[in-house]
N, C-alpha and C. Protein backbone atom coordinates (compact mmCIF):
# COMPACT_ATOMS: atom_id res chain seq x y z
N MET A 1 -12.96 5.35 76.96
CA MET A 1 -12.73 3.98 76.52
C MET A 1 -13.87 3.53 75.63
N ASN A 2 -13.56 3.21 74.44
CA ASN A 2 -14.56 2.70 73.52
C ASN A 2 -14.48 1.19 73.45
N PRO A 3 -15.58 0.53 73.80
CA PRO A 3 -15.59 -0.92 73.71
C PRO A 3 -15.51 -1.38 72.26
N LEU A 4 -15.11 -2.60 72.07
CA LEU A 4 -15.03 -3.20 70.76
C LEU A 4 -16.40 -3.74 70.37
N PRO A 5 -17.08 -3.13 69.38
CA PRO A 5 -18.38 -3.65 69.00
C PRO A 5 -18.25 -4.95 68.21
N ILE A 6 -19.17 -5.86 68.44
CA ILE A 6 -19.22 -7.08 67.65
C ILE A 6 -20.64 -7.24 67.14
N HIS A 7 -20.87 -8.22 66.31
CA HIS A 7 -22.14 -8.32 65.61
C HIS A 7 -23.19 -9.16 66.33
N SER A 8 -22.89 -9.68 67.48
CA SER A 8 -23.85 -10.48 68.22
C SER A 8 -24.92 -9.60 68.85
N ASP A 9 -26.10 -10.16 69.01
CA ASP A 9 -27.22 -9.45 69.62
C ASP A 9 -27.22 -9.60 71.14
N ASN A 10 -26.61 -10.68 71.64
CA ASN A 10 -26.56 -10.98 73.06
C ASN A 10 -25.22 -11.64 73.35
N LEU A 11 -24.50 -11.14 74.32
CA LEU A 11 -23.16 -11.65 74.62
C LEU A 11 -23.16 -12.79 75.64
N ALA A 12 -24.31 -13.39 75.90
CA ALA A 12 -24.38 -14.48 76.89
C ALA A 12 -23.49 -15.65 76.51
N SER A 13 -23.50 -16.08 75.25
CA SER A 13 -22.66 -17.22 74.86
C SER A 13 -21.18 -16.82 74.85
N THR A 14 -20.89 -15.57 74.51
CA THR A 14 -19.51 -15.09 74.59
C THR A 14 -19.03 -15.11 76.03
N LYS A 15 -19.90 -14.71 76.95
CA LYS A 15 -19.55 -14.73 78.37
C LYS A 15 -19.26 -16.16 78.81
N ASP A 16 -20.11 -17.10 78.41
CA ASP A 16 -19.88 -18.51 78.77
C ASP A 16 -18.54 -19.00 78.22
N ASP A 17 -18.22 -18.62 76.98
CA ASP A 17 -16.93 -19.01 76.39
C ASP A 17 -15.77 -18.39 77.17
N MET A 18 -15.94 -17.14 77.58
CA MET A 18 -14.89 -16.46 78.35
C MET A 18 -14.65 -17.16 79.68
N VAL A 19 -15.72 -17.49 80.36
CA VAL A 19 -15.61 -18.16 81.66
C VAL A 19 -14.85 -19.48 81.51
N ALA A 20 -15.23 -20.28 80.52
CA ALA A 20 -14.58 -21.57 80.30
C ALA A 20 -13.11 -21.39 79.93
N PHE A 21 -12.81 -20.41 79.09
CA PHE A 21 -11.44 -20.17 78.64
C PHE A 21 -10.56 -19.71 79.80
N ILE A 22 -11.08 -18.79 80.60
CA ILE A 22 -10.33 -18.28 81.76
C ILE A 22 -10.05 -19.42 82.74
N GLU A 23 -11.07 -20.19 83.06
CA GLU A 23 -10.90 -21.31 83.99
C GLU A 23 -9.97 -22.37 83.40
N GLY A 24 -10.04 -22.56 82.08
CA GLY A 24 -9.16 -23.51 81.41
C GLY A 24 -7.69 -23.12 81.48
N HIS A 25 -7.43 -21.84 81.69
CA HIS A 25 -6.06 -21.36 81.86
C HIS A 25 -5.65 -21.32 83.33
N GLY A 26 -6.50 -21.90 84.21
CA GLY A 26 -6.16 -21.98 85.62
C GLY A 26 -6.26 -20.67 86.37
N MET A 27 -7.01 -19.74 85.82
CA MET A 27 -7.13 -18.43 86.46
C MET A 27 -8.50 -18.31 87.12
N ARG A 28 -8.57 -17.44 88.10
CA ARG A 28 -9.83 -17.18 88.79
C ARG A 28 -10.46 -15.92 88.21
N ARG A 29 -11.78 -15.85 88.35
CA ARG A 29 -12.53 -14.66 87.93
C ARG A 29 -12.98 -13.91 89.16
N VAL A 30 -12.82 -12.60 89.13
CA VAL A 30 -13.28 -11.73 90.20
C VAL A 30 -14.42 -10.90 89.62
N PRO A 31 -15.61 -11.00 90.24
CA PRO A 31 -16.74 -10.21 89.72
C PRO A 31 -16.57 -8.73 90.08
N ALA A 32 -15.98 -7.98 89.17
CA ALA A 32 -15.71 -6.57 89.44
C ALA A 32 -15.64 -5.80 88.13
N HIS A 33 -16.06 -4.54 88.23
CA HIS A 33 -15.97 -3.64 87.09
C HIS A 33 -14.89 -2.61 87.38
N VAL A 34 -14.02 -2.38 86.42
CA VAL A 34 -12.96 -1.39 86.58
C VAL A 34 -13.48 -0.08 86.01
N GLY A 35 -13.58 0.92 86.86
CA GLY A 35 -14.12 2.22 86.47
C GLY A 35 -13.09 3.09 85.76
N GLU A 36 -13.56 4.21 85.27
CA GLU A 36 -12.70 5.12 84.52
C GLU A 36 -11.69 5.85 85.40
N ASP A 37 -11.90 5.83 86.71
CA ASP A 37 -10.99 6.53 87.62
C ASP A 37 -9.73 5.71 87.94
N VAL A 38 -9.66 4.48 87.45
CA VAL A 38 -8.52 3.61 87.69
C VAL A 38 -7.57 3.71 86.49
N PRO A 39 -6.27 3.90 86.73
CA PRO A 39 -5.33 3.92 85.60
C PRO A 39 -5.45 2.62 84.80
N SER A 40 -5.69 2.76 83.50
CA SER A 40 -5.92 1.56 82.70
C SER A 40 -5.44 1.74 81.28
N ILE A 41 -5.24 0.59 80.64
CA ILE A 41 -4.88 0.53 79.23
C ILE A 41 -5.90 -0.37 78.55
N LEU A 42 -6.50 0.13 77.49
CA LEU A 42 -7.54 -0.61 76.79
C LEU A 42 -6.94 -1.43 75.66
N TRP A 43 -7.27 -2.71 75.66
CA TRP A 43 -6.85 -3.63 74.60
C TRP A 43 -7.47 -3.15 73.29
N ASP A 44 -6.67 -3.07 72.23
CA ASP A 44 -7.14 -2.52 70.97
C ASP A 44 -6.81 -3.48 69.83
N ASP A 45 -7.78 -4.32 69.48
CA ASP A 45 -7.62 -5.26 68.37
C ASP A 45 -8.98 -5.44 67.72
N GLU A 46 -9.45 -4.37 67.08
CA GLU A 46 -10.80 -4.35 66.53
C GLU A 46 -11.00 -5.32 65.38
N ASP A 47 -9.94 -5.76 64.73
CA ASP A 47 -10.07 -6.65 63.58
C ASP A 47 -10.26 -8.11 63.98
N ASN A 48 -10.08 -8.43 65.24
CA ASN A 48 -10.14 -9.81 65.70
C ASN A 48 -11.29 -10.00 66.68
N PRO A 49 -12.38 -10.64 66.27
CA PRO A 49 -13.53 -10.82 67.16
C PRO A 49 -13.22 -11.73 68.37
N ASP A 50 -12.18 -12.53 68.27
CA ASP A 50 -11.78 -13.39 69.39
C ASP A 50 -10.56 -12.83 70.13
N SER A 51 -10.36 -11.52 70.06
CA SER A 51 -9.19 -10.92 70.70
C SER A 51 -9.20 -11.10 72.21
N TRP A 52 -10.38 -11.35 72.79
CA TRP A 52 -10.44 -11.58 74.22
C TRP A 52 -9.62 -12.81 74.62
N LYS A 53 -9.49 -13.79 73.71
CA LYS A 53 -8.67 -14.97 74.00
C LYS A 53 -7.20 -14.57 74.10
N ASP A 54 -6.76 -13.73 73.17
CA ASP A 54 -5.38 -13.22 73.23
C ASP A 54 -5.16 -12.43 74.52
N PHE A 55 -6.18 -11.67 74.92
CA PHE A 55 -6.11 -10.89 76.15
C PHE A 55 -5.90 -11.81 77.36
N VAL A 56 -6.69 -12.88 77.45
CA VAL A 56 -6.57 -13.83 78.57
C VAL A 56 -5.19 -14.49 78.55
N GLU A 57 -4.71 -14.86 77.38
CA GLU A 57 -3.39 -15.47 77.28
C GLU A 57 -2.28 -14.48 77.68
N THR A 58 -2.47 -13.22 77.34
CA THR A 58 -1.51 -12.19 77.73
C THR A 58 -1.52 -11.99 79.24
N ALA A 59 -2.71 -12.02 79.84
CA ALA A 59 -2.82 -11.90 81.30
C ALA A 59 -2.05 -13.04 81.97
N ARG A 60 -2.23 -14.23 81.47
CA ARG A 60 -1.54 -15.41 82.03
C ARG A 60 -0.02 -15.25 81.88
N ALA A 61 0.42 -14.81 80.70
CA ALA A 61 1.85 -14.62 80.44
C ALA A 61 2.44 -13.53 81.33
N ALA A 62 1.62 -12.56 81.71
CA ALA A 62 2.08 -11.47 82.59
C ALA A 62 2.09 -11.89 84.05
N GLY A 63 1.62 -13.10 84.32
CA GLY A 63 1.64 -13.61 85.69
C GLY A 63 0.38 -13.33 86.49
N ALA A 64 -0.67 -12.85 85.82
CA ALA A 64 -1.92 -12.58 86.53
C ALA A 64 -2.53 -13.90 87.01
N THR A 65 -3.00 -13.89 88.25
CA THR A 65 -3.65 -15.10 88.79
C THR A 65 -5.17 -15.00 88.73
N PHE A 66 -5.65 -13.79 88.42
CA PHE A 66 -7.09 -13.60 88.30
C PHE A 66 -7.39 -12.57 87.22
N ILE A 67 -8.63 -12.59 86.77
CA ILE A 67 -9.14 -11.62 85.80
C ILE A 67 -10.44 -11.07 86.35
N THR A 68 -10.58 -9.74 86.31
CA THR A 68 -11.86 -9.15 86.69
C THR A 68 -12.82 -9.35 85.52
N MET A 69 -14.11 -9.50 85.85
CA MET A 69 -15.10 -9.69 84.80
C MET A 69 -16.40 -9.03 85.22
N SER A 70 -16.94 -8.21 84.32
CA SER A 70 -18.24 -7.60 84.59
C SER A 70 -19.07 -7.64 83.32
N GLU A 71 -20.37 -7.55 83.53
CA GLU A 71 -21.31 -7.57 82.41
C GLU A 71 -22.37 -6.50 82.64
N ASN A 72 -22.93 -6.01 81.54
CA ASN A 72 -24.05 -5.09 81.62
C ASN A 72 -25.23 -5.72 80.89
N VAL A 73 -26.29 -5.95 81.67
CA VAL A 73 -27.53 -6.49 81.13
C VAL A 73 -28.51 -5.33 81.04
N LEU A 74 -29.18 -5.20 79.90
CA LEU A 74 -30.14 -4.12 79.73
C LEU A 74 -31.40 -4.45 80.52
N GLU A 75 -31.74 -3.59 81.46
CA GLU A 75 -32.90 -3.78 82.32
C GLU A 75 -34.09 -2.99 81.78
N LYS A 76 -35.28 -3.53 81.99
CA LYS A 76 -36.51 -2.88 81.53
C LYS A 76 -36.63 -1.46 82.08
N GLU A 77 -36.31 -1.30 83.36
CA GLU A 77 -36.41 0.01 84.00
C GLU A 77 -35.48 1.03 83.35
N ASP A 78 -34.29 0.58 82.93
CA ASP A 78 -33.33 1.48 82.29
C ASP A 78 -33.88 1.99 80.96
N VAL A 79 -34.50 1.10 80.20
CA VAL A 79 -35.07 1.50 78.91
C VAL A 79 -36.25 2.44 79.14
N GLU A 80 -37.09 2.14 80.13
CA GLU A 80 -38.24 3.00 80.42
C GLU A 80 -37.80 4.40 80.81
N ILE A 81 -36.76 4.50 81.63
CA ILE A 81 -36.24 5.81 82.04
C ILE A 81 -35.68 6.55 80.84
N LEU A 82 -34.92 5.85 79.99
CA LEU A 82 -34.37 6.48 78.80
C LEU A 82 -35.48 7.00 77.88
N ILE A 83 -36.50 6.20 77.65
CA ILE A 83 -37.62 6.62 76.80
C ILE A 83 -38.28 7.87 77.37
N GLU A 84 -38.49 7.89 78.68
CA GLU A 84 -39.11 9.04 79.33
C GLU A 84 -38.24 10.30 79.19
N GLU A 85 -36.93 10.14 79.39
CA GLU A 85 -36.01 11.27 79.25
C GLU A 85 -36.02 11.80 77.82
N VAL A 86 -36.02 10.90 76.86
CA VAL A 86 -36.04 11.32 75.46
C VAL A 86 -37.32 12.08 75.16
N ARG A 87 -38.45 11.57 75.66
CA ARG A 87 -39.73 12.27 75.47
C ARG A 87 -39.71 13.66 76.12
N ASP A 88 -39.19 13.73 77.33
CA ASP A 88 -39.15 15.00 78.06
C ASP A 88 -38.30 16.05 77.35
N GLN A 89 -37.27 15.61 76.67
CA GLN A 89 -36.36 16.55 76.03
C GLN A 89 -36.74 16.85 74.59
N SER A 90 -37.87 16.31 74.15
CA SER A 90 -38.44 16.61 72.82
C SER A 90 -37.42 16.54 71.70
N TYR A 91 -36.84 15.37 71.51
CA TYR A 91 -35.88 15.19 70.43
C TYR A 91 -36.57 15.36 69.09
N THR A 92 -35.81 15.82 68.12
CA THR A 92 -36.34 16.02 66.78
C THR A 92 -35.94 14.87 65.87
N LEU A 93 -36.54 14.82 64.72
CA LEU A 93 -36.26 13.77 63.75
C LEU A 93 -34.83 13.88 63.25
N ASP A 94 -34.16 12.76 63.19
CA ASP A 94 -32.81 12.69 62.66
C ASP A 94 -32.91 12.63 61.13
N THR A 95 -32.43 13.66 60.47
CA THR A 95 -32.60 13.74 59.02
C THR A 95 -31.74 12.73 58.27
N GLU A 96 -30.63 12.31 58.85
CA GLU A 96 -29.77 11.34 58.16
C GLU A 96 -30.40 9.96 58.11
N THR A 97 -30.95 9.49 59.21
CA THR A 97 -31.48 8.13 59.25
C THR A 97 -32.98 8.08 59.05
N GLY A 98 -33.65 9.21 59.22
CA GLY A 98 -35.09 9.22 59.06
C GLY A 98 -35.82 8.71 60.29
N SER A 99 -35.09 8.46 61.35
CA SER A 99 -35.75 8.00 62.57
C SER A 99 -35.38 8.94 63.71
N SER A 100 -36.19 8.96 64.71
CA SER A 100 -35.92 9.83 65.84
C SER A 100 -35.22 9.06 66.96
N GLU A 101 -34.63 9.80 67.87
CA GLU A 101 -34.01 9.18 69.03
C GLU A 101 -35.06 8.42 69.84
N LEU A 102 -36.30 8.91 69.82
CA LEU A 102 -37.37 8.21 70.54
C LEU A 102 -37.61 6.83 69.93
N ASP A 103 -37.63 6.75 68.61
CA ASP A 103 -37.79 5.45 67.95
C ASP A 103 -36.65 4.51 68.33
N GLU A 104 -35.44 5.06 68.34
CA GLU A 104 -34.27 4.25 68.69
C GLU A 104 -34.36 3.76 70.14
N ALA A 105 -34.75 4.65 71.04
CA ALA A 105 -34.88 4.28 72.45
C ALA A 105 -35.95 3.20 72.61
N GLN A 106 -37.07 3.35 71.91
CA GLN A 106 -38.15 2.36 72.00
C GLN A 106 -37.73 1.02 71.42
N SER A 107 -36.87 1.04 70.40
CA SER A 107 -36.42 -0.22 69.80
C SER A 107 -35.54 -1.03 70.75
N LEU A 108 -34.99 -0.39 71.77
CA LEU A 108 -34.14 -1.09 72.74
C LEU A 108 -34.93 -2.08 73.60
N VAL A 109 -36.24 -1.92 73.65
CA VAL A 109 -37.08 -2.84 74.42
C VAL A 109 -36.83 -4.29 73.98
N ALA A 110 -36.55 -4.48 72.70
CA ALA A 110 -36.29 -5.83 72.18
C ALA A 110 -35.03 -6.47 72.78
N HIS A 111 -34.20 -5.67 73.43
CA HIS A 111 -32.93 -6.17 73.97
C HIS A 111 -32.94 -6.30 75.49
N VAL A 112 -34.07 -6.04 76.12
CA VAL A 112 -34.17 -6.16 77.57
C VAL A 112 -33.82 -7.59 77.99
N GLY A 113 -32.98 -7.68 79.01
CA GLY A 113 -32.57 -8.98 79.53
C GLY A 113 -31.34 -9.55 78.85
N LYS A 114 -30.84 -8.88 77.84
CA LYS A 114 -29.67 -9.37 77.12
C LYS A 114 -28.40 -8.70 77.64
N ILE A 115 -27.30 -9.43 77.53
CA ILE A 115 -25.99 -8.88 77.89
C ILE A 115 -25.49 -8.06 76.71
N GLY A 116 -25.24 -6.78 76.94
CA GLY A 116 -24.80 -5.89 75.87
C GLY A 116 -23.34 -5.49 75.97
N HIS A 117 -22.72 -5.75 77.12
CA HIS A 117 -21.34 -5.30 77.33
C HIS A 117 -20.64 -6.23 78.31
N LEU A 118 -19.41 -6.58 77.97
CA LEU A 118 -18.55 -7.38 78.85
C LEU A 118 -17.21 -6.67 79.00
N GLN A 119 -16.68 -6.72 80.22
CA GLN A 119 -15.36 -6.15 80.47
C GLN A 119 -14.51 -7.18 81.19
N LEU A 120 -13.30 -7.40 80.68
CA LEU A 120 -12.30 -8.23 81.34
C LEU A 120 -11.15 -7.32 81.74
N GLY A 121 -10.47 -7.65 82.84
CA GLY A 121 -9.34 -6.84 83.26
C GLY A 121 -8.35 -7.63 84.08
N PHE A 122 -7.10 -7.20 84.05
CA PHE A 122 -6.10 -7.77 84.94
C PHE A 122 -5.10 -6.68 85.33
N PRO A 123 -4.63 -6.73 86.57
CA PRO A 123 -3.66 -5.73 87.02
C PRO A 123 -2.24 -6.16 86.66
N HIS A 124 -1.44 -5.18 86.28
CA HIS A 124 -0.03 -5.45 86.01
C HIS A 124 0.75 -4.16 86.21
N GLN A 125 1.70 -4.19 87.13
CA GLN A 125 2.58 -3.06 87.43
C GLN A 125 1.81 -1.77 87.68
N GLY A 126 0.75 -1.84 88.47
CA GLY A 126 0.01 -0.66 88.88
C GLY A 126 -1.01 -0.14 87.89
N VAL A 127 -1.22 -0.87 86.82
CA VAL A 127 -2.17 -0.46 85.80
C VAL A 127 -3.12 -1.62 85.53
N MET A 128 -4.38 -1.28 85.26
CA MET A 128 -5.34 -2.31 84.86
C MET A 128 -5.36 -2.38 83.34
N PHE A 129 -5.17 -3.57 82.83
CA PHE A 129 -5.31 -3.80 81.40
C PHE A 129 -6.74 -4.28 81.19
N LEU A 130 -7.44 -3.67 80.22
CA LEU A 130 -8.86 -3.94 80.02
C LEU A 130 -9.16 -4.39 78.61
N HIS A 131 -10.12 -5.30 78.52
CA HIS A 131 -10.69 -5.69 77.23
C HIS A 131 -12.19 -5.53 77.36
N GLN A 132 -12.79 -4.80 76.42
CA GLN A 132 -14.23 -4.57 76.46
C GLN A 132 -14.87 -5.02 75.15
N THR A 133 -16.02 -5.63 75.27
CA THR A 133 -16.78 -6.10 74.13
C THR A 133 -18.21 -5.62 74.28
N SER A 134 -18.75 -5.04 73.21
CA SER A 134 -20.13 -4.53 73.25
C SER A 134 -20.89 -4.92 71.99
N THR A 135 -22.19 -5.01 72.13
CA THR A 135 -23.05 -5.18 70.97
C THR A 135 -23.29 -3.81 70.34
N GLU A 136 -23.75 -3.82 69.10
CA GLU A 136 -24.05 -2.54 68.43
C GLU A 136 -25.19 -1.82 69.13
N TRP A 137 -26.22 -2.55 69.58
CA TRP A 137 -27.35 -1.89 70.25
C TRP A 137 -26.91 -1.28 71.58
N TYR A 138 -25.97 -1.91 72.26
CA TYR A 138 -25.50 -1.36 73.53
C TYR A 138 -24.71 -0.07 73.29
N GLU A 139 -23.92 -0.06 72.21
CA GLU A 139 -23.20 1.16 71.85
C GLU A 139 -24.18 2.30 71.61
N ARG A 140 -25.26 2.04 70.88
CA ARG A 140 -26.26 3.08 70.60
C ARG A 140 -26.97 3.50 71.89
N TYR A 141 -27.25 2.54 72.77
CA TYR A 141 -27.86 2.82 74.07
C TYR A 141 -26.98 3.81 74.85
N GLN A 142 -25.68 3.55 74.87
CA GLN A 142 -24.75 4.44 75.58
C GLN A 142 -24.72 5.83 74.94
N GLN A 143 -24.76 5.89 73.61
CA GLN A 143 -24.78 7.18 72.92
C GLN A 143 -26.04 7.96 73.29
N LEU A 144 -27.18 7.28 73.34
CA LEU A 144 -28.43 7.95 73.71
C LEU A 144 -28.36 8.45 75.15
N LEU A 145 -27.80 7.65 76.05
CA LEU A 145 -27.64 8.08 77.45
C LEU A 145 -26.76 9.32 77.53
N ASP A 146 -25.66 9.32 76.79
CA ASP A 146 -24.76 10.47 76.80
C ASP A 146 -25.47 11.72 76.28
N THR A 147 -26.24 11.57 75.21
CA THR A 147 -26.98 12.70 74.65
C THR A 147 -27.99 13.24 75.65
N VAL A 148 -28.71 12.36 76.30
CA VAL A 148 -29.70 12.77 77.31
C VAL A 148 -28.99 13.49 78.45
N ASP A 149 -27.86 12.96 78.90
CA ASP A 149 -27.11 13.61 79.99
C ASP A 149 -26.62 14.99 79.57
N GLU A 150 -26.08 15.10 78.35
CA GLU A 150 -25.57 16.39 77.88
C GLU A 150 -26.69 17.42 77.77
N LEU A 151 -27.79 17.03 77.15
CA LEU A 151 -28.90 17.97 76.99
C LEU A 151 -29.59 18.25 78.31
N GLY A 152 -29.64 17.25 79.18
CA GLY A 152 -30.23 17.45 80.51
C GLY A 152 -29.45 18.48 81.30
N GLY A 153 -28.12 18.47 81.16
CA GLY A 153 -27.29 19.44 81.85
C GLY A 153 -27.53 20.85 81.35
N VAL A 154 -27.81 20.98 80.07
CA VAL A 154 -28.08 22.30 79.49
C VAL A 154 -29.45 22.78 79.94
N VAL A 155 -30.43 21.90 79.92
CA VAL A 155 -31.80 22.28 80.26
C VAL A 155 -31.91 22.69 81.73
N PHE A 156 -31.22 21.98 82.61
CA PHE A 156 -31.37 22.21 84.04
C PHE A 156 -30.22 23.00 84.64
N GLU A 157 -29.44 23.65 83.80
CA GLU A 157 -28.30 24.41 84.28
C GLU A 157 -28.78 25.55 85.18
N ASP A 158 -28.08 25.76 86.29
CA ASP A 158 -28.46 26.79 87.25
C ASP A 158 -27.90 28.14 86.82
N ASP A 159 -28.78 29.03 86.41
CA ASP A 159 -28.36 30.36 85.95
C ASP A 159 -28.12 31.33 87.10
N ASP A 160 -28.51 30.99 88.31
CA ASP A 160 -28.38 31.89 89.45
C ASP A 160 -26.94 32.08 89.89
N GLU A 161 -26.01 31.24 89.44
CA GLU A 161 -24.63 31.35 89.87
C GLU A 161 -23.99 32.66 89.40
N ASP A 162 -24.42 33.19 88.26
CA ASP A 162 -23.84 34.42 87.72
C ASP A 162 -24.38 35.68 88.38
N GLU A 163 -25.50 35.55 89.06
CA GLU A 163 -26.14 36.71 89.66
C GLU A 163 -25.61 36.91 91.09
N GLU A 164 -25.46 38.17 91.46
CA GLU A 164 -25.04 38.48 92.83
C GLU A 164 -26.26 38.64 93.70
N PRO A 165 -26.16 38.27 94.99
CA PRO A 165 -27.34 38.38 95.89
C PRO A 165 -27.74 39.78 96.21
């Protein structure tokens, strides 16, 4: 599931608007995140920055009485761990951008305490319908995490499984 990136640096005001809009439609909010293991359909309207409003109106029209809502705030500890992982894995300079993954990870410090991702959801006929909104920096943060995880798996892969005792 790829969230819809928008140009805001912090989604706090978007979250406030979402809360007011949802409550204005007489619906309740459930503080919950819908994981990837749940059957879901992702709302896809990348051309409309206010598509979350259409999503809420669609939930209401479908008879939903509540909407799940979760947020991801970038924590200082998360950035520190990412920076350490990047250092440990000795990333090289990115020739396309001229900056390294370490520089990118360190630049995330400026976003500590900010909301980088919001997820809305509603159940309908056994499926969760989801709308996700992310900042550009949060998208890059997730890409760096995925890269660290992928390379970490290669570095720490257990070679003893192929050997017989």
